[in-house]
Amino acid sequence: MDINLYSTITCPHCGNSKEEKMPTDSCQFFYECENCGSILRPKNGDCCVYCSFGSVACPPIQATSGCCGT
């Protein structure tokens, strides 16, 4: 299975989007929007900002190994 390491995060506050490379060895719990400065945090039930606001789920979820190896 191919794992996509890039996801486009879209800020729910201002709509700004940016493609980012996701970490493969940890979850990203915080992300600062470079446009409006909002700090994004995962939604309830999601493990990271990529699963909540990204176009692609984080690598552990893509690999179906659970988020961040859990």
Protein backbone atom coordinates (compact mmCIF):
# COMPACT_ATOMS: atom_id res chain seq x y z
CA MET A 1 0.00 0.00 0.00
CA ASP A 2 1.29 3.43 -0.93
CA ILE A 3 1.27 6.01 1.86
CA ASN A 4 0.69 9.61 0.83
CA LEU A 5 2.92 11.88 2.94
CA TYR A 6 1.38 15.16 1.74
CA SER A 7 -1.92 16.61 2.86
CA THR A 8 -3.54 19.98 2.22
CA ILE A 9 -4.69 21.52 5.49
CA THR A 10 -7.60 23.96 5.21
CA CYS A 11 -8.19 26.40 8.04
CA PRO A 12 -11.85 26.31 9.15
CA HIS A 13 -11.63 29.94 10.27
CA CYS A 14 -10.37 31.70 7.14
CA GLY A 15 -10.36 29.00 4.46
CA ASN A 16 -6.63 29.27 3.75
CA SER A 17 -5.15 26.02 2.40
CA LYS A 18 -1.57 24.83 2.35
CA GLU A 19 0.04 21.55 1.39
CA GLU A 20 2.23 20.16 4.17
CA LYS A 21 4.41 17.07 4.54
CA MET A 22 3.10 14.92 7.38
CA PRO A 23 5.40 13.41 10.01
CA THR A 24 5.60 9.63 9.90
CA ASP A 25 6.84 9.09 13.44
CA SER A 26 4.48 11.26 15.50
CA CYS A 27 1.08 12.93 15.56
CA GLN A 28 0.75 16.65 14.98
CA PHE A 29 -1.60 18.01 17.62
CA PHE A 30 -1.27 21.71 16.78
CA TYR A 31 -1.05 23.64 13.52
CA GLU A 32 -0.86 27.42 13.16
CA CYS A 33 -2.58 28.89 10.12
CA GLU A 34 -0.09 31.13 8.38
CA ASN A 35 -2.92 33.38 7.12
CA CYS A 36 -5.02 34.17 10.22
CA GLY A 37 -2.82 32.80 13.02
CA SER A 38 -5.48 30.42 14.39
CA ILE A 39 -4.14 27.41 16.24
CA LEU A 40 -5.85 24.27 14.95
CA ARG A 41 -6.28 21.26 17.22
CA PRO A 42 -7.73 17.85 16.34
CA LYS A 43 -11.52 17.50 16.50
CA ASN A 44 -12.94 15.11 19.11
CA GLY A 45 -12.32 11.56 17.97
CA ASP A 46 -9.48 12.48 15.60
CA CYS A 47 -5.86 11.84 16.46
CA CYS A 48 -4.21 14.77 14.70
CA VAL A 49 -4.78 17.95 12.70
CA TYR A 50 -4.31 16.08 9.41
CA CYS A 51 -7.19 13.73 10.21
CA SER A 52 -9.39 16.71 11.16
CA PHE A 53 -8.46 19.37 8.60
CA GLY A 54 -6.33 17.68 5.95
CA SER A 55 -7.20 16.32 2.54
CA VAL A 56 -5.43 13.07 3.44
CA ALA A 57 -5.44 11.21 6.77
CA CYS A 58 -2.16 10.80 8.64
CA PRO A 59 0.23 8.00 7.59
CA PRO A 60 -0.62 5.60 10.48
CA ILE A 61 -4.34 5.82 9.67
CA GLN A 62 -3.62 5.30 5.97
CA ALA A 63 -1.65 2.18 6.90
CA THR A 64 -4.57 1.06 9.11
CA SER A 65 -2.20 0.60 12.02
CA GLY A 66 -4.11 3.06 14.22
CA CYS A 67 -3.03 6.57 14.82
CA CYS A 68 0.60 6.97 15.78
CA GLY A 69 1.00 3.27 16.36
CA THR A 70 -1.83 2.96 18.89
